[in-house]
Amino acid sequence: MKIAVVGATGLVGSEMFKVLEKANLPITELIPVASSRSVGKSITFKGKPYTITDIETAVTMKPNIAIFSAGGSVSKEWAPKFADVGCTVVDNSSAWRMEPNIPLVVPEINANTLTKADKIIANPNCSTIQLVLSIAPLHRSFEIKRLIVSTYQSFTGTGAKAVKQYEAEKAGQQPKDEEMAYHFPIFANCIPHCDVFLDNDYTKEEMKIVNETRKILNDQDIAITSTAVRVPVFGGHSESVNLEFKKPFEVKEVKTLLSEAEGVIVQDDPANNEYPMPLMAKDKDEVFVGRIRRDHSIENGLNMWIVSDNLRKGAATNAVQIAAYLIENNLF
């Protein structure tokens, strides 16, 4: 079992190795792949050093599975080349997510749709993953009519450059323009601008949530709107979610369904100050849901608060879970 990790030195790549160690997959050969700046350096996995290789060499090594976390342009160019040598690619970028013939997978929801013919598999956007994992069981039971999502997203989702900007600002330093991941300071600030703005005045991040949610839930009729905000938080993304269902529900039913959902932990005891927070979600693989309450302003309305570590379940964990499913079901 040869597994390549493309983008081995990035924030998500680093998390990938932690999750792979924890998952304990039957890996016989690990192939860390990074840009030319890192080739020849080594990383440690399960106490053993592995030399970082370039992506061209990695293709010739014909890994069984390659987990990509190196950006959309790299994925667009190289994922097909890996697929051509028989490798199954699990891609963490946005490059393939909305391609009609490419599966967009959250394992707990739709891994059962995967086949051996699927040589490129898309990992959804971090904000989408925690959202759909929490609402899928509710959609099956009550049918979502309308969904409103407001996100509070960690700057770690932007990558290492954003982390450096935050750390510099926290230390009272002013980063140079070329060192800024954002147009404005992120320390002690909130920026309602995730990714680039589109012609409709929504950002790409906001439209990812809309389009990916419909694709994963296999329902194009759900009315969805989103506002995505960067916040000065380590540890994960938070989401305020308002749902309008077609069918009546009881809040007790909602809590039971979520408590029984794989990968979801309900933290909902406001009387004892129990609710999800990114500080507590950091380095965890689960999605946490709380503040579950009826929205009395509309019929069949519900409010929830959803938190997850964006580098874990929002990226690395979900990708490794896909790889584990492929191995377990001999689909690579």
C-alpha atoms as a PDB file:
ATOM      1  CA  MET A   1       0.000   0.000   0.000  1.00  0.00           C
ATOM      2  CA  LYS A   2       1.817   3.079  -1.304  1.00  0.00           C
ATOM      3  CA  ILE A   3       0.324   6.412  -0.247  1.00  0.00           C
ATOM      4  CA  ALA A   4       1.540   9.802  -1.457  1.00  0.00           C
ATOM      5  CA  VAL A   5       0.809  13.073   0.335  1.00  0.00           C
ATOM      6  CA  VAL A   6       1.124  15.969  -2.113  1.00  0.00           C
ATOM      7  CA  GLY A   7       1.637  19.255  -0.285  1.00  0.00           C
ATOM      8  CA  ALA A   8       3.382  17.527   2.593  1.00  0.00           C
ATOM      9  CA  THR A   9       4.862  20.676   4.147  1.00  0.00           C
ATOM     10  CA  GLY A  10       1.702  22.851   4.216  1.00  0.00           C
ATOM     11  CA  LEU A  11      -0.637  23.378   7.148  1.00  0.00           C
ATOM     12  CA  VAL A  12      -3.066  20.705   5.974  1.00  0.00           C
ATOM     13  CA  GLY A  13      -0.243  18.390   4.895  1.00  0.00           C
ATOM     14  CA  SER A  14       1.240  18.528   8.378  1.00  0.00           C
ATOM     15  CA  GLU A  15      -2.136  17.646   9.864  1.00  0.00           C
ATOM     16  CA  MET A  16      -2.469  14.857   7.309  1.00  0.00           C
ATOM     17  CA  PHE A  17       0.474  12.980   8.795  1.00  0.00           C
ATOM     18  CA  LYS A  18      -0.955  13.279  12.313  1.00  0.00           C
ATOM     19  CA  VAL A  19      -4.285  11.885  11.123  1.00  0.00           C
ATOM     20  CA  LEU A  20      -2.605   9.130   9.093  1.00  0.00           C
ATOM     21  CA  GLU A  21      -0.660   8.031  12.169  1.00  0.00           C
ATOM     22  CA  LYS A  22      -3.864   7.922  14.199  1.00  0.00           C
ATOM     23  CA  ALA A  23      -5.789   6.093  11.444  1.00  0.00           C
ATOM     24  CA  ASN A  24      -3.152   3.365  11.358  1.00  0.00           C
ATOM     25  CA  LEU A  25      -3.751   2.441   7.713  1.00  0.00           C
ATOM     26  CA  PRO A  26      -1.761  -0.502   6.281  1.00  0.00           C
ATOM     27  CA  ILE A  27       0.838   1.762   4.634  1.00  0.00           C
ATOM     28  CA  THR A  28       3.895  -0.040   3.298  1.00  0.00           C
ATOM     29  CA  GLU A  29       5.417   3.003   1.619  1.00  0.00           C
ATOM     30  CA  LEU A  30       4.812   6.684   2.343  1.00  0.00           C
ATOM     31  CA  ILE A  31       5.694   9.224  -0.343  1.00  0.00           C
ATOM     32  CA  PRO A  32       5.800  12.834   0.920  1.00  0.00           C
ATOM     33  CA  VAL A  33       5.646  15.287  -2.001  1.00  0.00           C
ATOM     34  CA  ALA A  34       6.312  19.024  -1.963  1.00  0.00           C
ATOM     35  CA  SER A  35       7.660  21.877  -4.063  1.00  0.00           C
ATOM     36  CA  SER A  36      11.275  22.146  -5.154  1.00  0.00           C
ATOM     37  CA  ARG A  37      12.083  24.246  -2.056  1.00  0.00           C
ATOM     38  CA  SER A  38      11.462  21.232   0.168  1.00  0.00           C
ATOM     39  CA  VAL A  39      12.710  18.345  -2.008  1.00  0.00           C
ATOM     40  CA  GLY A  40      15.460  16.403  -0.255  1.00  0.00           C
ATOM     41  CA  LYS A  41      14.361  17.410   3.230  1.00  0.00           C
ATOM     42  CA  SER A  42      12.790  14.792   5.448  1.00  0.00           C
ATOM     43  CA  ILE A  43       9.675  14.395   7.539  1.00  0.00           C
ATOM     44  CA  THR A  44       9.132  11.913  10.352  1.00  0.00           C
ATOM     45  CA  PHE A  45       6.213   9.496  10.271  1.00  0.00           C
ATOM     46  CA  LYS A  46       5.746   6.946  13.043  1.00  0.00           C
ATOM     47  CA  GLY A  47       9.292   7.591  14.184  1.00  0.00           C
ATOM     48  CA  LYS A  48      10.825   6.931  10.763  1.00  0.00           C
ATOM     49  CA  PRO A  49      12.291   9.612   8.457  1.00  0.00           C
ATOM     50  CA  TYR A  50      10.971   9.924   4.898  1.00  0.00           C
ATOM     51  CA  THR A  51      12.634  12.023   2.204  1.00  0.00           C
ATOM     52  CA  ILE A  52      10.435  14.556   0.432  1.00  0.00           C
ATOM     53  CA  THR A  53      10.293  14.000  -3.314  1.00  0.00           C
ATOM     54  CA  ASP A  54       9.129  16.065  -6.276  1.00  0.00           C
ATOM     55  CA  ILE A  55       5.765  15.495  -7.892  1.00  0.00           C
ATOM     56  CA  GLU A  56       7.174  14.191 -11.206  1.00  0.00           C
ATOM     57  CA  THR A  57       9.063  11.424  -9.404  1.00  0.00           C
ATOM     58  CA  ALA A  58       6.012  10.604  -7.285  1.00  0.00           C
ATOM     59  CA  VAL A  59       3.962   9.856 -10.413  1.00  0.00           C
ATOM     60  CA  THR A  60       6.572   7.350 -11.606  1.00  0.00           C
ATOM     61  CA  MET A  61       6.393   5.608  -8.211  1.00  0.00           C
ATOM     62  CA  LYS A  62       2.731   4.753  -8.969  1.00  0.00           C
ATOM     63  CA  PRO A  63       1.190   5.127  -5.505  1.00  0.00           C
ATOM     64  CA  ASN A  64      -2.098   3.353  -4.851  1.00  0.00           C
ATOM     65  CA  ILE A  65      -3.608   6.505  -3.333  1.00  0.00           C
ATOM     66  CA  ALA A  66      -2.448  10.130  -3.491  1.00  0.00           C
ATOM     67  CA  ILE A  67      -3.892  12.709  -1.105  1.00  0.00           C
ATOM     68  CA  PHE A  68      -3.531  16.181  -2.570  1.00  0.00           C
ATOM     69  CA  SER A  69      -3.388  19.384  -0.536  1.00  0.00           C
ATOM     70  CA  ALA A  70      -1.300  21.628  -2.742  1.00  0.00           C
ATOM     71  CA  GLY A  71      -3.773  24.074  -4.281  1.00  0.00           C
ATOM     72  CA  GLY A  72      -6.118  24.024  -7.242  1.00  0.00           C
ATOM     73  CA  SER A  73      -3.609  24.674 -10.023  1.00  0.00           C
ATOM     74  CA  VAL A  74      -1.401  21.765  -8.908  1.00  0.00           C
ATOM     75  CA  SER A  75      -4.421  19.491  -8.643  1.00  0.00           C
ATOM     76  CA  LYS A  76      -5.733  20.427 -12.080  1.00  0.00           C
ATOM     77  CA  GLU A  77      -2.385  19.670 -13.695  1.00  0.00           C
ATOM     78  CA  TRP A  78      -1.250  16.628 -11.740  1.00  0.00           C
ATOM     79  CA  ALA A  79      -4.299  14.731 -10.472  1.00  0.00           C
ATOM     80  CA  PRO A  80      -5.058  13.381 -13.996  1.00  0.00           C
ATOM     81  CA  LYS A  81      -1.414  12.299 -14.387  1.00  0.00           C
ATOM     82  CA  PHE A  82      -1.605  10.280 -11.160  1.00  0.00           C
ATOM     83  CA  ALA A  83      -4.955   8.856 -12.260  1.00  0.00           C
ATOM     84  CA  ASP A  84      -3.425   7.823 -15.589  1.00  0.00           C
ATOM     85  CA  VAL A  85      -0.958   5.513 -13.808  1.00  0.00           C
ATOM     86  CA  GLY A  86      -3.770   3.853 -11.836  1.00  0.00           C
ATOM     87  CA  CYS A  87      -3.563   5.971  -8.703  1.00  0.00           C
ATOM     88  CA  THR A  88      -6.730   7.112  -6.920  1.00  0.00           C
ATOM     89  CA  VAL A  89      -6.491  10.800  -6.022  1.00  0.00           C
ATOM     90  CA  VAL A  90      -8.258  12.351  -3.036  1.00  0.00           C
ATOM     91  CA  ASP A  91      -8.061  16.079  -3.728  1.00  0.00           C
ATOM     92  CA  ASN A  92      -8.432  18.719  -1.025  1.00  0.00           C
ATOM     93  CA  SER A  93      -8.598  21.739  -3.348  1.00  0.00           C
ATOM     94  CA  SER A  94     -11.627  23.289  -5.044  1.00  0.00           C
ATOM     95  CA  ALA A  95     -10.385  22.217  -8.500  1.00  0.00           C
ATOM     96  CA  TRP A  96     -12.672  19.229  -9.030  1.00  0.00           C
ATOM     97  CA  ARG A  97     -15.535  19.667  -6.561  1.00  0.00           C
ATOM     98  CA  MET A  98     -18.200  20.875  -8.947  1.00  0.00           C
ATOM     99  CA  GLU A  99     -17.236  18.690 -11.905  1.00  0.00           C
ATOM    100  CA  PRO A 100     -20.363  16.590 -12.616  1.00  0.00           C
ATOM    101  CA  ASN A 101     -18.463  13.303 -12.985  1.00  0.00           C
ATOM    102  CA  ILE A 102     -16.266  13.776  -9.895  1.00  0.00           C
ATOM    103  CA  PRO A 103     -17.630  12.503  -6.549  1.00  0.00           C
ATOM    104  CA  LEU A 104     -17.709  15.092  -3.743  1.00  0.00           C
ATOM    105  CA  VAL A 105     -17.490  12.995  -0.611  1.00  0.00           C
ATOM    106  CA  VAL A 106     -18.082  13.221   3.110  1.00  0.00           C
ATOM    107  CA  PRO A 107     -17.662   9.534   4.045  1.00  0.00           C
ATOM    108  CA  GLU A 108     -20.394   9.436   6.698  1.00  0.00           C
ATOM    109  CA  ILE A 109     -22.894  10.724   4.135  1.00  0.00           C
ATOM    110  CA  ASN A 110     -22.071   9.415   0.659  1.00  0.00           C
ATOM    111  CA  ALA A 111     -18.950   7.223   0.561  1.00  0.00           C
ATOM    112  CA  ASN A 112     -21.200   4.356  -0.528  1.00  0.00           C
ATOM    113  CA  THR A 113     -21.472   6.016  -3.959  1.00  0.00           C
ATOM    114  CA  LEU A 114     -17.747   5.468  -4.683  1.00  0.00           C
ATOM    115  CA  THR A 115     -16.578   2.874  -7.195  1.00  0.00           C
ATOM    116  CA  LYS A 116     -13.227   1.632  -8.499  1.00  0.00           C
ATOM    117  CA  ALA A 117     -13.765   3.772 -11.586  1.00  0.00           C
ATOM    118  CA  ASP A 118     -13.545   6.967  -9.512  1.00  0.00           C
ATOM    119  CA  LYS A 119      -9.864   7.872  -9.881  1.00  0.00           C
ATOM    120  CA  ILE A 120     -10.267  11.496  -8.741  1.00  0.00           C
ATOM    121  CA  ILE A 121     -12.362  12.147  -5.620  1.00  0.00           C
ATOM    122  CA  ALA A 122     -12.973  15.657  -4.298  1.00  0.00           C
ATOM    123  CA  ASN A 123     -12.759  16.599  -0.631  1.00  0.00           C
ATOM    124  CA  PRO A 124     -15.359  19.323   0.074  1.00  0.00           C
ATOM    125  CA  ASN A 125     -14.670  22.789   1.416  1.00  0.00           C
ATOM    126  CA  CYS A 126     -13.959  22.854   5.164  1.00  0.00           C
ATOM    127  CA  SER A 127     -17.055  24.907   5.984  1.00  0.00           C
ATOM    128  CA  THR A 128     -19.238  22.633   3.874  1.00  0.00           C
ATOM    129  CA  ILE A 129     -18.039  19.436   5.568  1.00  0.00           C
ATOM    130  CA  GLN A 130     -19.026  20.411   9.098  1.00  0.00           C
ATOM    131  CA  LEU A 131     -22.305  21.844   7.837  1.00  0.00           C
ATOM    132  CA  VAL A 132     -23.491  18.855   5.814  1.00  0.00           C
ATOM    133  CA  LEU A 133     -22.412  16.340   8.437  1.00  0.00           C
ATOM    134  CA  SER A 134     -24.720  18.127  10.891  1.00  0.00           C
ATOM    135  CA  ILE A 135     -27.706  18.712   8.613  1.00  0.00           C
ATOM    136  CA  ALA A 136     -27.773  15.504   6.528  1.00  0.00           C
ATOM    137  CA  PRO A 137     -29.678  13.435   9.129  1.00  0.00           C
ATOM    138  CA  LEU A 138     -32.124  16.300   9.606  1.00  0.00           C
ATOM    139  CA  HIS A 139     -32.668  16.651   5.849  1.00  0.00           C
ATOM    140  CA  ARG A 140     -33.448  12.941   5.578  1.00  0.00           C
ATOM    141  CA  SER A 141     -36.086  13.222   8.297  1.00  0.00           C
ATOM    142  CA  PHE A 142     -37.636  16.669   7.832  1.00  0.00           C
ATOM    143  CA  GLU A 143     -36.514  17.898   4.348  1.00  0.00           C
ATOM    144  CA  ILE A 144     -34.734  21.238   4.337  1.00  0.00           C
ATOM    145  CA  LYS A 145     -36.616  23.972   2.509  1.00  0.00           C
ATOM    146  CA  ARG A 146     -34.263  26.884   3.245  1.00  0.00           C
ATOM    147  CA  LEU A 147     -30.827  27.167   4.849  1.00  0.00           C
ATOM    148  CA  ILE A 148     -29.039  30.319   6.077  1.00  0.00           C
ATOM    149  CA  VAL A 149     -25.381  29.985   7.076  1.00  0.00           C
ATOM    150  CA  SER A 150     -23.121  32.581   8.690  1.00  0.00           C
ATOM    151  CA  THR A 151     -19.547  31.435   9.227  1.00  0.00           C
ATOM    152  CA  TYR A 152     -16.839  32.498  11.666  1.00  0.00           C
ATOM    153  CA  GLN A 153     -13.777  31.002  10.014  1.00  0.00           C
ATOM    154  CA  SER A 154     -10.299  30.625  11.483  1.00  0.00           C
ATOM    155  CA  PHE A 155      -7.510  32.408   9.637  1.00  0.00           C
ATOM    156  CA  THR A 156      -5.686  29.045   9.532  1.00  0.00           C
ATOM    157  CA  GLY A 157      -7.983  28.184   6.635  1.00  0.00           C
ATOM    158  CA  THR A 158      -6.101  30.685   4.487  1.00  0.00           C
ATOM    159  CA  GLY A 159      -2.781  28.923   5.075  1.00  0.00           C
ATOM    160  CA  ALA A 160       0.680  29.570   6.482  1.00  0.00           C
ATOM    161  CA  LYS A 161       0.856  33.158   5.210  1.00  0.00           C
ATOM    162  CA  ALA A 162      -2.218  34.114   7.222  1.00  0.00           C
ATOM    163  CA  VAL A 163      -0.780  32.495  10.331  1.00  0.00           C
ATOM    164  CA  LYS A 164       2.408  34.535   9.926  1.00  0.00           C
ATOM    165  CA  GLN A 165       0.380  37.724   9.452  1.00  0.00           C
ATOM    166  CA  TYR A 166      -1.638  37.014  12.599  1.00  0.00           C
ATOM    167  CA  GLU A 167       1.446  36.208  14.679  1.00  0.00           C
ATOM    168  CA  ALA A 168       3.231  39.363  13.518  1.00  0.00           C
ATOM    169  CA  GLU A 169       0.236  41.569  14.302  1.00  0.00           C
ATOM    170  CA  LYS A 170      -0.233  39.879  17.664  1.00  0.00           C
ATOM    171  CA  ALA A 171       3.391  40.744  18.467  1.00  0.00           C
ATOM    172  CA  GLY A 172       2.703  44.380  17.569  1.00  0.00           C
ATOM    173  CA  GLN A 173       4.547  44.263  14.243  1.00  0.00           C
ATOM    174  CA  GLN A 174       3.240  45.575  10.934  1.00  0.00           C
ATOM    175  CA  PRO A 175       3.802  42.999   8.149  1.00  0.00           C
ATOM    176  CA  LYS A 176       5.016  44.242   4.786  1.00  0.00           C
ATOM    177  CA  ASP A 177       2.398  44.384   2.032  1.00  0.00           C
ATOM    178  CA  GLU A 178       3.750  41.248   0.366  1.00  0.00           C
ATOM    179  CA  GLU A 179       3.516  39.398   3.704  1.00  0.00           C
ATOM    180  CA  MET A 180      -0.183  40.196   4.149  1.00  0.00           C
ATOM    181  CA  ALA A 181      -2.612  37.354   3.450  1.00  0.00           C
ATOM    182  CA  TYR A 182      -5.521  39.776   3.833  1.00  0.00           C
ATOM    183  CA  HIS A 183      -6.172  43.374   2.797  1.00  0.00           C
ATOM    184  CA  PHE A 184      -6.639  44.292   6.475  1.00  0.00           C
ATOM    185  CA  PRO A 185      -5.297  43.213   9.882  1.00  0.00           C
ATOM    186  CA  ILE A 186      -6.740  39.914  11.125  1.00  0.00           C
ATOM    187  CA  PHE A 187      -5.595  40.240  14.740  1.00  0.00           C
ATOM    188  CA  ALA A 188      -8.433  41.695  16.864  1.00  0.00           C
ATOM    189  CA  ASN A 189     -10.562  42.023  13.731  1.00  0.00           C
ATOM    190  CA  CYS A 190     -13.277  40.263  11.695  1.00  0.00           C
ATOM    191  CA  ILE A 191     -13.116  40.359   7.902  1.00  0.00           C
ATOM    192  CA  PRO A 192     -16.318  39.582   5.932  1.00  0.00           C
ATOM    193  CA  HIS A 193     -14.271  38.479   2.942  1.00  0.00           C
ATOM    194  CA  CYS A 194     -13.325  34.809   2.423  1.00  0.00           C
ATOM    195  CA  ASP A 195     -11.763  34.113  -0.983  1.00  0.00           C
ATOM    196  CA  VAL A 196     -12.481  36.476  -3.897  1.00  0.00           C
ATOM    197  CA  PHE A 197     -15.694  38.360  -4.692  1.00  0.00           C
ATOM    198  CA  LEU A 198     -17.757  37.169  -7.646  1.00  0.00           C
ATOM    199  CA  ASP A 199     -20.033  39.090 -10.011  1.00  0.00           C
ATOM    200  CA  ASN A 200     -23.028  38.385  -7.756  1.00  0.00           C
ATOM    201  CA  ASP A 201     -21.277  40.128  -4.803  1.00  0.00           C
ATOM    202  CA  TYR A 202     -20.918  36.844  -2.935  1.00  0.00           C
ATOM    203  CA  THR A 203     -17.446  35.414  -2.329  1.00  0.00           C
ATOM    204  CA  LYS A 204     -16.267  32.120  -3.771  1.00  0.00           C
ATOM    205  CA  GLU A 205     -16.282  30.683  -0.238  1.00  0.00           C
ATOM    206  CA  GLU A 206     -19.940  31.589   0.188  1.00  0.00           C
ATOM    207  CA  MET A 207     -20.887  30.034  -3.133  1.00  0.00           C
ATOM    208  CA  LYS A 208     -18.867  26.907  -2.338  1.00  0.00           C
ATOM    209  CA  ILE A 209     -21.110  26.376   0.673  1.00  0.00           C
ATOM    210  CA  VAL A 210     -24.218  26.831  -1.475  1.00  0.00           C
ATOM    211  CA  ASN A 211     -23.201  24.636  -4.403  1.00  0.00           C
ATOM    212  CA  GLU A 212     -21.317  21.908  -2.546  1.00  0.00           C
ATOM    213  CA  THR A 213     -24.086  21.417   0.010  1.00  0.00           C
ATOM    214  CA  ARG A 214     -26.627  20.823  -2.754  1.00  0.00           C
ATOM    215  CA  LYS A 215     -24.313  18.386  -4.526  1.00  0.00           C
ATOM    216  CA  ILE A 216     -23.468  16.336  -1.420  1.00  0.00           C
ATOM    217  CA  LEU A 217     -27.088  16.158  -0.274  1.00  0.00           C
ATOM    218  CA  ASN A 218     -28.131  15.438  -3.879  1.00  0.00           C
ATOM    219  CA  ASP A 219     -30.834  18.087  -3.748  1.00  0.00           C
ATOM    220  CA  GLN A 220     -30.691  21.139  -6.016  1.00  0.00           C
ATOM    221  CA  ASP A 221     -33.959  22.540  -4.677  1.00  0.00           C
ATOM    222  CA  ILE A 222     -32.720  23.616  -1.223  1.00  0.00           C
ATOM    223  CA  ALA A 223     -32.703  27.419  -0.972  1.00  0.00           C
ATOM    224  CA  ILE A 224     -29.312  28.345   0.535  1.00  0.00           C
ATOM    225  CA  THR A 225     -27.623  31.643   1.330  1.00  0.00           C
ATOM    226  CA  SER A 226     -24.337  32.237   3.102  1.00  0.00           C
ATOM    227  CA  THR A 227     -22.098  34.925   4.608  1.00  0.00           C
ATOM    228  CA  ALA A 228     -18.487  33.916   5.332  1.00  0.00           C
ATOM    229  CA  VAL A 229     -16.287  35.833   7.782  1.00  0.00           C
ATOM    230  CA  ARG A 230     -12.637  35.455   8.799  1.00  0.00           C
ATOM    231  CA  VAL A 231     -12.066  35.746  12.549  1.00  0.00           C
ATOM    232  CA  PRO A 232      -8.861  35.884  14.667  1.00  0.00           C
ATOM    233  CA  VAL A 233      -9.296  32.352  16.006  1.00  0.00           C
ATOM    234  CA  PHE A 234      -7.038  29.303  16.137  1.00  0.00           C
ATOM    235  CA  GLY A 235      -8.703  25.926  16.373  1.00  0.00           C
ATOM    236  CA  GLY A 236     -11.533  25.866  13.917  1.00  0.00           C
ATOM    237  CA  HIS A 237     -14.513  27.266  12.084  1.00  0.00           C
ATOM    238  CA  SER A 238     -17.861  28.100  13.685  1.00  0.00           C
ATOM    239  CA  GLU A 239     -21.202  28.399  11.904  1.00  0.00           C
ATOM    240  CA  SER A 240     -24.522  29.913  12.874  1.00  0.00           C
ATOM    241  CA  VAL A 241     -27.111  27.898  10.960  1.00  0.00           C
ATOM    242  CA  ASN A 242     -30.804  28.623  10.471  1.00  0.00           C
ATOM    243  CA  LEU A 243     -32.939  25.889   8.928  1.00  0.00           C
ATOM    244  CA  GLU A 244     -36.491  25.910   7.642  1.00  0.00           C
ATOM    245  CA  PHE A 245     -37.938  22.421   7.149  1.00  0.00           C
ATOM    246  CA  LYS A 246     -40.810  21.252   4.997  1.00  0.00           C
ATOM    247  CA  LYS A 247     -42.005  18.897   7.728  1.00  0.00           C
ATOM    248  CA  PRO A 248     -42.771  19.585  11.400  1.00  0.00           C
ATOM    249  CA  PHE A 249     -40.252  18.456  14.001  1.00  0.00           C
ATOM    250  CA  GLU A 250     -39.631  18.352  17.720  1.00  0.00           C
ATOM    251  CA  VAL A 251     -36.369  19.743  19.104  1.00  0.00           C
ATOM    252  CA  LYS A 252     -35.964  16.534  21.100  1.00  0.00           C
ATOM    253  CA  GLU A 253     -36.064  14.573  17.811  1.00  0.00           C
ATOM    254  CA  VAL A 254     -33.367  16.824  16.336  1.00  0.00           C
ATOM    255  CA  LYS A 255     -31.076  16.274  19.320  1.00  0.00           C
ATOM    256  CA  THR A 256     -31.603  12.513  19.132  1.00  0.00           C
ATOM    257  CA  LEU A 257     -30.820  12.366  15.409  1.00  0.00           C
ATOM    258  CA  LEU A 258     -27.662  14.431  15.871  1.00  0.00           C
ATOM    259  CA  SER A 259     -26.556  12.371  18.889  1.00  0.00           C
ATOM    260  CA  GLU A 260     -26.857   9.236  16.770  1.00  0.00           C
ATOM    261  CA  ALA A 261     -25.062  10.714  13.729  1.00  0.00           C
ATOM    262  CA  GLU A 262     -21.590   9.337  13.057  1.00  0.00           C
ATOM    263  CA  GLY A 263     -18.864  11.931  13.573  1.00  0.00           C
ATOM    264  CA  VAL A 264     -21.144  14.394  15.393  1.00  0.00           C
ATOM    265  CA  ILE A 265     -21.013  15.276  19.096  1.00  0.00           C
ATOM    266  CA  VAL A 266     -23.892  17.226  20.634  1.00  0.00           C
ATOM    267  CA  GLN A 267     -22.869  19.783  23.251  1.00  0.00           C
ATOM    268  CA  ASP A 268     -26.118  21.430  24.219  1.00  0.00           C
ATOM    269  CA  ASP A 269     -26.692  22.295  27.866  1.00  0.00           C
ATOM    270  CA  PRO A 270     -26.919  26.099  28.005  1.00  0.00           C
ATOM    271  CA  ALA A 271     -27.977  26.064  31.664  1.00  0.00           C
ATOM    272  CA  ASN A 272     -24.505  24.728  32.464  1.00  0.00           C
ATOM    273  CA  ASN A 273     -22.714  26.828  29.816  1.00  0.00           C
ATOM    274  CA  GLU A 274     -22.165  23.823  27.568  1.00  0.00           C
ATOM    275  CA  TYR A 275     -21.943  24.654  23.870  1.00  0.00           C
ATOM    276  CA  PRO A 276     -19.348  24.137  21.116  1.00  0.00           C
ATOM    277  CA  MET A 277     -16.342  26.463  20.859  1.00  0.00           C
ATOM    278  CA  PRO A 278     -13.335  26.366  18.507  1.00  0.00           C
ATOM    279  CA  LEU A 279     -10.956  26.440  21.477  1.00  0.00           C
ATOM    280  CA  MET A 280     -12.310  23.053  22.543  1.00  0.00           C
ATOM    281  CA  ALA A 281     -12.573  21.666  18.998  1.00  0.00           C
ATOM    282  CA  LYS A 282      -8.888  22.162  18.153  1.00  0.00           C
ATOM    283  CA  ASP A 283      -7.134  18.910  17.182  1.00  0.00           C
ATOM    284  CA  LYS A 284     -10.401  16.978  17.352  1.00  0.00           C
ATOM    285  CA  ASP A 285     -11.780  14.970  14.424  1.00  0.00           C
ATOM    286  CA  GLU A 286     -15.473  15.343  15.249  1.00  0.00           C
ATOM    287  CA  VAL A 287     -18.032  18.039  14.472  1.00  0.00           C
ATOM    288  CA  PHE A 288     -19.665  19.650  17.505  1.00  0.00           C
ATOM    289  CA  VAL A 289     -23.260  20.924  17.511  1.00  0.00           C
ATOM    290  CA  GLY A 290     -25.079  22.979  20.131  1.00  0.00           C
ATOM    291  CA  ARG A 291     -27.429  25.927  20.800  1.00  0.00           C
ATOM    292  CA  ILE A 292     -30.123  23.748  19.226  1.00  0.00           C
ATOM    293  CA  ARG A 293     -33.392  25.630  19.508  1.00  0.00           C
ATOM    294  CA  ARG A 294     -36.604  26.316  17.643  1.00  0.00           C
ATOM    295  CA  ASP A 295     -36.822  29.460  15.500  1.00  0.00           C
ATOM    296  CA  HIS A 296     -40.204  30.856  16.518  1.00  0.00           C
ATOM    297  CA  SER A 297     -40.190  33.467  13.737  1.00  0.00           C
ATOM    298  CA  ILE A 298     -41.099  30.914  11.052  1.00  0.00           C
ATOM    299  CA  GLU A 299     -42.958  27.630  10.821  1.00  0.00           C
ATOM    300  CA  ASN A 300     -40.680  24.579  11.145  1.00  0.00           C
ATOM    301  CA  GLY A 301     -37.615  26.742  11.865  1.00  0.00           C
ATOM    302  CA  LEU A 302     -34.480  25.674  13.763  1.00  0.00           C
ATOM    303  CA  ASN A 303     -31.256  27.356  14.894  1.00  0.00           C
ATOM    304  CA  MET A 304     -27.951  25.535  15.504  1.00  0.00           C
ATOM    305  CA  TRP A 305     -24.309  26.375  16.211  1.00  0.00           C
ATOM    306  CA  ILE A 306     -21.718  24.122  14.543  1.00  0.00           C
ATOM    307  CA  VAL A 307     -17.972  24.006  15.298  1.00  0.00           C
ATOM    308  CA  SER A 308     -15.143  21.898  13.890  1.00  0.00           C
ATOM    309  CA  ASP A 309     -11.363  22.039  13.494  1.00  0.00           C
ATOM    310  CA  ASN A 310     -11.029  23.151   9.881  1.00  0.00           C
ATOM    311  CA  LEU A 311      -7.608  21.545   9.446  1.00  0.00           C
ATOM    312  CA  ARG A 312      -8.864  18.199  10.775  1.00  0.00           C
ATOM    313  CA  LYS A 313     -12.388  17.122   9.792  1.00  0.00           C
ATOM    314  CA  GLY A 314     -12.541  20.136   7.497  1.00  0.00           C
ATOM    315  CA  ALA A 315      -9.548  18.869   5.510  1.00  0.00           C
ATOM    316  CA  ALA A 316      -7.078  16.188   6.652  1.00  0.00           C
ATOM    317  CA  THR A 317      -9.418  13.905   8.584  1.00  0.00           C
ATOM    318  CA  ASN A 318     -12.067  13.804   5.875  1.00  0.00           C
ATOM    319  CA  ALA A 319      -9.446  13.022   3.200  1.00  0.00           C
ATOM    320  CA  VAL A 320      -7.878  10.225   5.274  1.00  0.00           C
ATOM    321  CA  GLN A 321     -11.333   8.808   5.989  1.00  0.00           C
ATOM    322  CA  ILE A 322     -11.958   8.643   2.241  1.00  0.00           C
ATOM    323  CA  ALA A 323      -8.633   6.842   1.776  1.00  0.00           C
ATOM    324  CA  ALA A 324      -9.505   4.429   4.579  1.00  0.00           C
ATOM    325  CA  TYR A 325     -12.865   3.669   2.948  1.00  0.00           C
ATOM    326  CA  LEU A 326     -11.166   2.994  -0.392  1.00  0.00           C
ATOM    327  CA  ILE A 327      -8.711   0.585   1.242  1.00  0.00           C
ATOM    328  CA  GLU A 328     -11.338  -1.163   3.369  1.00  0.00           C
ATOM    329  CA  ASN A 329     -13.584  -1.734   0.352  1.00  0.00           C
ATOM    330  CA  ASN A 330     -10.797  -2.477  -2.152  1.00  0.00           C
ATOM    331  CA  LEU A 331     -11.801   0.464  -4.369  1.00  0.00           C
ATOM    332  CA  PHE A 332      -8.349   1.851  -5.208  1.00  0.00           C
END
